[in-house]
Amino acid sequence: MDQQQSPRPVRPGAESTVCSHCGEVAEGTQPTWTCSVENHTRHYFCEACARANLRAIESRLDSAWW
C-alpha cells in the first residue's frame, strides 16, 4: 500500500503578529500576548498593552475605548 504524504507542517514563527494597540511586531503568536475578538475580527495585544489595559479588557470594552 502506498502511504499518502501529509502536507508539510507549517514552521512555528513563520508568521509575525502585530499588536493592535502599539504596533509591536513579534515572530509568531506569543504566549504572553492577549487575543480579543471585536466585531468578528481578532486583535492581538502585546504584554505591555494588555497589562496597561487589563481592566478594560476584563470589562469587555472594545480597544477603541482605551
Protein backbone atom coordinates (compact mmCIF):
# COMPACT_ATOMS: atom_id res chain seq x y z
CA MET A 1 0.00 0.00 0.00
CA ASP A 2 1.18 3.48 -0.79
CA GLN A 3 1.38 5.86 2.10
CA GLN A 4 -0.08 9.26 1.48
CA GLN A 5 2.28 12.05 2.22
CA SER A 6 0.91 14.53 4.67
CA PRO A 7 1.23 18.22 3.85
CA ARG A 8 4.40 19.84 5.06
CA PRO A 9 3.90 21.22 8.57
CA VAL A 10 3.93 24.97 8.95
CA ARG A 11 7.06 26.20 10.66
CA PRO A 12 6.39 27.82 14.03
CA GLY A 13 7.18 31.50 13.89
CA ALA A 14 6.74 31.66 10.12
CA GLU A 15 4.23 34.48 10.53
CA SER A 16 4.54 37.64 12.55
CA THR A 17 1.97 39.03 14.96
CA VAL A 18 1.37 42.77 15.29
CA CYS A 19 -0.01 44.44 18.43
CA SER A 20 -3.26 46.18 17.50
CA HIS A 21 -2.61 48.93 20.05
CA CYS A 22 1.07 49.95 19.79
CA GLY A 23 2.19 48.17 16.60
CA GLU A 24 4.90 46.00 18.18
CA VAL A 25 5.83 43.08 15.92
CA ALA A 26 6.67 39.58 17.20
CA GLU A 27 7.61 36.33 15.48
CA GLY A 28 4.61 34.01 15.59
CA THR A 29 1.99 34.01 18.32
CA GLN A 30 3.44 34.89 21.71
CA PRO A 31 2.15 33.05 24.81
CA THR A 32 2.09 36.27 26.88
CA TRP A 33 0.04 38.24 24.35
CA THR A 34 -3.75 38.66 24.59
CA CYS A 35 -6.19 37.91 21.78
CA SER A 36 -9.52 39.72 21.64
CA VAL A 37 -12.35 39.25 19.14
CA GLU A 38 -14.04 42.55 18.33
CA ASN A 39 -16.70 42.81 15.60
CA HIS A 40 -15.78 39.31 14.39
CA THR A 41 -12.10 40.30 13.96
CA ARG A 42 -9.15 39.02 16.01
CA HIS A 43 -6.95 41.64 17.63
CA TYR A 44 -3.67 40.77 19.34
CA PHE A 45 -2.18 42.89 22.13
CA CYS A 46 1.40 42.69 23.38
CA GLU A 47 2.10 42.02 27.04
CA ALA A 48 2.73 45.71 27.85
CA CYS A 49 -0.53 46.92 26.25
CA ALA A 50 -2.52 44.05 27.79
CA ARG A 51 -1.17 44.86 31.27
CA ALA A 52 -1.81 48.59 30.85
CA ASN A 53 -5.42 47.98 29.80
CA LEU A 54 -6.28 44.90 31.85
CA ARG A 55 -9.41 46.38 33.44
CA ALA A 56 -10.81 47.46 30.08
CA ILE A 57 -10.08 44.01 28.63
CA GLU A 58 -11.77 42.25 31.55
CA SER A 59 -14.75 44.60 31.23
CA ARG A 60 -15.00 43.54 27.57
CA LEU A 61 -14.59 47.10 26.28
CA ASP A 62 -13.52 47.26 22.63
CA SER A 63 -9.98 48.55 22.15
CA ALA A 64 -11.40 51.73 20.58
CA TRP A 65 -12.47 52.74 24.14
CA TRP A 66 -8.94 52.51 25.55
